[in-house]
Amino acid sequence: FEYLDHTADIQLHSWGENMEKCLEQLIKCMFGYMTDLDFVEVDQEMSSSVGKNIAAQGHDWQSLIYSFLDEWLFIFHDTGFIAKEVE
């Protein structure tokens, strides 16, 4: 993944073998922009309870990706959970 400059914000750019891999990389990209993931410790208990079964819907790819990122941001704001590894 990589970060691209944008006039008002930042663009997150990810890629992978398929859409699932792209979304995994996108979440790591988003949280990596928010904090240094090297200093985040994996908490298996919290990962199992908070970081599973994230669902998103959209009428096209752009709205689906936006909704998916929004779900992860909601979880972060609600619980403080930061995803370091996504599968």
N, C-alpha and C. Protein backbone atom coordinates (compact mmCIF):
# COMPACT_ATOMS: atom_id res chain seq x y z
N PHE A 1 0.84 -1.19 0.00
CA PHE A 1 0.00 0.00 0.00
C PHE A 1 0.87 1.24 0.00
N GLU A 2 0.26 2.37 -0.29
CA GLU A 2 0.98 3.64 -0.30
C GLU A 2 0.00 4.78 -0.04
N TYR A 3 0.56 5.91 0.29
CA TYR A 3 -0.22 7.12 0.51
C TYR A 3 0.05 8.08 -0.64
N LEU A 4 -1.00 8.69 -1.16
CA LEU A 4 -0.87 9.65 -2.25
C LEU A 4 -1.36 11.01 -1.77
N ASP A 5 -0.66 12.05 -2.17
CA ASP A 5 -1.06 13.40 -1.78
C ASP A 5 -2.37 13.78 -2.46
N HIS A 6 -3.15 14.57 -1.74
CA HIS A 6 -4.41 15.09 -2.25
C HIS A 6 -4.54 16.49 -1.69
N THR A 7 -5.18 17.36 -2.43
CA THR A 7 -5.28 18.77 -2.04
C THR A 7 -5.80 18.96 -0.63
N ALA A 8 -6.88 18.30 -0.28
CA ALA A 8 -7.52 18.54 1.02
C ALA A 8 -7.29 17.42 2.02
N ASP A 9 -6.71 16.32 1.59
CA ASP A 9 -6.66 15.17 2.48
C ASP A 9 -5.54 14.24 2.03
N ILE A 10 -5.76 12.95 2.18
CA ILE A 10 -4.80 11.93 1.77
C ILE A 10 -5.56 10.87 0.99
N GLN A 11 -4.90 10.26 0.03
CA GLN A 11 -5.48 9.14 -0.69
C GLN A 11 -4.78 7.87 -0.24
N LEU A 12 -5.56 6.86 0.04
CA LEU A 12 -5.01 5.56 0.40
C LEU A 12 -5.05 4.70 -0.86
N HIS A 13 -3.94 4.08 -1.19
CA HIS A 13 -3.83 3.26 -2.40
C HIS A 13 -3.35 1.88 -2.01
N SER A 14 -4.14 0.87 -2.35
CA SER A 14 -3.75 -0.51 -2.03
C SER A 14 -4.00 -1.40 -3.24
N TRP A 15 -3.38 -2.55 -3.22
CA TRP A 15 -3.54 -3.50 -4.32
C TRP A 15 -3.32 -4.91 -3.77
N GLY A 16 -3.71 -5.90 -4.55
CA GLY A 16 -3.55 -7.29 -4.15
C GLY A 16 -4.04 -8.22 -5.24
N GLU A 17 -3.96 -9.51 -4.98
CA GLU A 17 -4.36 -10.53 -5.95
C GLU A 17 -5.85 -10.48 -6.26
N ASN A 18 -6.65 -10.05 -5.29
CA ASN A 18 -8.10 -9.97 -5.46
C ASN A 18 -8.63 -8.85 -4.56
N MET A 19 -9.94 -8.64 -4.63
CA MET A 19 -10.52 -7.53 -3.85
C MET A 19 -10.34 -7.74 -2.36
N GLU A 20 -10.43 -8.96 -1.88
CA GLU A 20 -10.24 -9.23 -0.45
C GLU A 20 -8.85 -8.78 0.01
N LYS A 21 -7.83 -9.11 -0.75
CA LYS A 21 -6.46 -8.71 -0.41
C LYS A 21 -6.30 -7.20 -0.48
N CYS A 22 -6.94 -6.58 -1.46
CA CYS A 22 -6.88 -5.11 -1.58
C CYS A 22 -7.49 -4.44 -0.36
N LEU A 23 -8.62 -4.96 0.10
CA LEU A 23 -9.28 -4.38 1.28
C LEU A 23 -8.47 -4.60 2.54
N GLU A 24 -7.84 -5.78 2.66
CA GLU A 24 -6.96 -6.03 3.81
C GLU A 24 -5.84 -5.00 3.84
N GLN A 25 -5.21 -4.78 2.70
CA GLN A 25 -4.12 -3.81 2.62
C GLN A 25 -4.62 -2.38 2.88
N LEU A 26 -5.83 -2.09 2.41
CA LEU A 26 -6.40 -0.76 2.60
C LEU A 26 -6.60 -0.44 4.07
N ILE A 27 -7.07 -1.42 4.85
CA ILE A 27 -7.27 -1.19 6.28
C ILE A 27 -5.92 -0.98 6.97
N LYS A 28 -4.93 -1.78 6.62
CA LYS A 28 -3.60 -1.59 7.20
C LYS A 28 -3.04 -0.22 6.79
N CYS A 29 -3.32 0.19 5.57
CA CYS A 29 -2.88 1.50 5.09
C CYS A 29 -3.52 2.62 5.91
N MET A 30 -4.83 2.52 6.13
CA MET A 30 -5.54 3.56 6.89
C MET A 30 -5.01 3.67 8.32
N PHE A 31 -4.91 2.53 9.01
CA PHE A 31 -4.42 2.58 10.38
C PHE A 31 -2.93 2.93 10.43
N GLY A 32 -2.18 2.53 9.42
CA GLY A 32 -0.77 2.89 9.35
C GLY A 32 -0.57 4.38 9.17
N TYR A 33 -1.51 5.04 8.53
CA TYR A 33 -1.43 6.49 8.40
C TYR A 33 -1.77 7.18 9.72
N MET A 34 -2.65 6.55 10.49
CA MET A 34 -3.08 7.12 11.76
C MET A 34 -2.03 6.96 12.85
N THR A 35 -1.25 5.88 12.80
CA THR A 35 -0.27 5.59 13.84
C THR A 35 0.82 4.70 13.28
N ASP A 36 1.92 4.60 13.97
CA ASP A 36 3.00 3.71 13.57
C ASP A 36 2.65 2.29 14.03
N LEU A 37 2.31 1.43 13.08
CA LEU A 37 1.86 0.08 13.41
C LEU A 37 2.95 -0.77 14.05
N ASP A 38 4.21 -0.37 13.93
CA ASP A 38 5.30 -1.12 14.57
C ASP A 38 5.17 -1.10 16.10
N PHE A 39 4.48 -0.09 16.62
CA PHE A 39 4.33 0.04 18.07
C PHE A 39 2.98 -0.47 18.58
N VAL A 40 2.17 -1.05 17.71
CA VAL A 40 0.87 -1.60 18.09
C VAL A 40 1.05 -3.08 18.40
N GLU A 41 0.60 -3.48 19.58
CA GLU A 41 0.67 -4.89 19.97
C GLU A 41 -0.66 -5.57 19.63
N VAL A 42 -0.57 -6.78 19.12
CA VAL A 42 -1.77 -7.54 18.77
C VAL A 42 -2.38 -8.12 20.03
N ASP A 43 -3.64 -7.82 20.26
CA ASP A 43 -4.41 -8.35 21.39
C ASP A 43 -5.42 -9.34 20.80
N GLN A 44 -5.12 -10.64 20.93
CA GLN A 44 -5.96 -11.66 20.30
C GLN A 44 -7.39 -11.63 20.83
N GLU A 45 -7.56 -11.38 22.11
CA GLU A 45 -8.91 -11.35 22.68
C GLU A 45 -9.74 -10.22 22.08
N MET A 46 -9.15 -9.03 22.02
CA MET A 46 -9.88 -7.90 21.45
C MET A 46 -10.09 -8.09 19.95
N SER A 47 -9.08 -8.63 19.28
CA SER A 47 -9.21 -8.90 17.85
C SER A 47 -10.35 -9.86 17.57
N SER A 48 -10.50 -10.87 18.41
CA SER A 48 -11.56 -11.85 18.23
C SER A 48 -12.94 -11.27 18.49
N SER A 49 -13.03 -10.36 19.44
CA SER A 49 -14.35 -9.81 19.79
C SER A 49 -14.73 -8.60 18.95
N VAL A 50 -13.76 -7.78 18.57
CA VAL A 50 -14.07 -6.52 17.89
C VAL A 50 -13.77 -6.58 16.40
N GLY A 51 -12.68 -7.21 16.04
CA GLY A 51 -12.20 -7.13 14.66
C GLY A 51 -12.68 -8.22 13.74
N LYS A 52 -13.77 -8.88 14.07
CA LYS A 52 -14.31 -9.93 13.20
C LYS A 52 -15.68 -9.55 12.68
N ASN A 53 -16.01 -10.13 11.55
CA ASN A 53 -17.34 -9.97 10.95
C ASN A 53 -17.69 -8.51 10.65
N ILE A 54 -16.74 -7.79 10.11
CA ILE A 54 -17.00 -6.41 9.69
C ILE A 54 -17.79 -6.46 8.39
N ALA A 55 -18.94 -5.83 8.37
CA ALA A 55 -19.81 -5.87 7.19
C ALA A 55 -20.00 -4.46 6.63
N ALA A 56 -20.07 -4.39 5.31
CA ALA A 56 -20.30 -3.11 4.65
C ALA A 56 -21.13 -3.36 3.39
N GLN A 57 -21.89 -2.36 3.00
CA GLN A 57 -22.70 -2.45 1.79
C GLN A 57 -22.50 -1.19 0.96
N GLY A 58 -22.68 -1.33 -0.33
CA GLY A 58 -22.60 -0.19 -1.23
C GLY A 58 -23.26 -0.51 -2.55
N HIS A 59 -23.67 0.51 -3.26
CA HIS A 59 -24.32 0.29 -4.55
C HIS A 59 -23.32 0.20 -5.70
N ASP A 60 -22.06 0.51 -5.43
CA ASP A 60 -20.98 0.34 -6.39
C ASP A 60 -19.69 0.15 -5.60
N TRP A 61 -18.57 -0.07 -6.30
CA TRP A 61 -17.29 -0.33 -5.62
C TRP A 61 -16.88 0.84 -4.73
N GLN A 62 -17.04 2.05 -5.22
CA GLN A 62 -16.61 3.23 -4.45
C GLN A 62 -17.40 3.36 -3.15
N SER A 63 -18.70 3.19 -3.22
CA SER A 63 -19.51 3.32 -2.00
C SER A 63 -19.27 2.14 -1.05
N LEU A 64 -18.99 0.96 -1.60
CA LEU A 64 -18.66 -0.19 -0.76
C LEU A 64 -17.37 0.03 0.00
N ILE A 65 -16.34 0.51 -0.69
CA ILE A 65 -15.05 0.77 -0.04
C ILE A 65 -15.19 1.87 1.01
N TYR A 66 -15.92 2.93 0.68
CA TYR A 66 -16.16 4.00 1.64
C TYR A 66 -16.86 3.46 2.89
N SER A 67 -17.88 2.65 2.69
CA SER A 67 -18.62 2.08 3.81
C SER A 67 -17.74 1.16 4.65
N PHE A 68 -16.89 0.38 3.99
CA PHE A 68 -15.98 -0.53 4.69
C PHE A 68 -15.00 0.25 5.57
N LEU A 69 -14.40 1.30 5.02
CA LEU A 69 -13.50 2.14 5.81
C LEU A 69 -14.24 2.82 6.95
N ASP A 70 -15.45 3.25 6.68
CA ASP A 70 -16.26 3.91 7.70
C ASP A 70 -16.57 2.97 8.87
N GLU A 71 -16.84 1.71 8.57
CA GLU A 71 -17.08 0.72 9.63
C GLU A 71 -15.85 0.57 10.52
N TRP A 72 -14.68 0.47 9.92
CA TRP A 72 -13.44 0.34 10.69
C TRP A 72 -13.17 1.60 11.52
N LEU A 73 -13.45 2.77 10.95
CA LEU A 73 -13.27 4.01 11.72
C LEU A 73 -14.23 4.08 12.89
N PHE A 74 -15.46 3.62 12.68
CA PHE A 74 -16.42 3.59 13.78
C PHE A 74 -15.90 2.70 14.92
N ILE A 75 -15.41 1.52 14.56
CA ILE A 75 -14.87 0.60 15.58
C ILE A 75 -13.71 1.26 16.32
N PHE A 76 -12.84 1.95 15.59
CA PHE A 76 -11.71 2.65 16.23
C PHE A 76 -12.22 3.70 17.22
N HIS A 77 -13.17 4.52 16.79
CA HIS A 77 -13.68 5.58 17.67
C HIS A 77 -14.48 5.03 18.84
N ASP A 78 -15.14 3.90 18.64
CA ASP A 78 -15.96 3.32 19.69
C ASP A 78 -15.14 2.56 20.72
N THR A 79 -14.08 1.85 20.27
CA THR A 79 -13.34 0.95 21.17
C THR A 79 -11.87 1.28 21.31
N GLY A 80 -11.32 2.08 20.38
CA GLY A 80 -9.89 2.33 20.38
C GLY A 80 -9.10 1.24 19.65
N PHE A 81 -9.80 0.28 19.05
CA PHE A 81 -9.16 -0.85 18.37
C PHE A 81 -8.45 -0.38 17.10
N ILE A 82 -7.19 -0.78 16.95
CA ILE A 82 -6.41 -0.50 15.76
C ILE A 82 -6.03 -1.83 15.13
N ALA A 83 -6.38 -2.00 13.86
CA ALA A 83 -6.05 -3.24 13.16
C ALA A 83 -4.62 -3.16 12.62
N LYS A 84 -3.80 -4.07 13.11
CA LYS A 84 -2.41 -4.16 12.64
C LYS A 84 -2.28 -5.23 11.58
N GLU A 85 -3.02 -6.32 11.76
CA GLU A 85 -3.03 -7.44 10.83
C GLU A 85 -4.47 -7.70 10.45
N VAL A 86 -4.72 -7.87 9.19
CA VAL A 86 -6.08 -8.12 8.71
C VAL A 86 -6.06 -9.35 7.83
N GLU A 87 -6.99 -10.26 8.09
CA GLU A 87 -7.10 -11.49 7.28
C GLU A 87 -8.54 -11.72 6.88
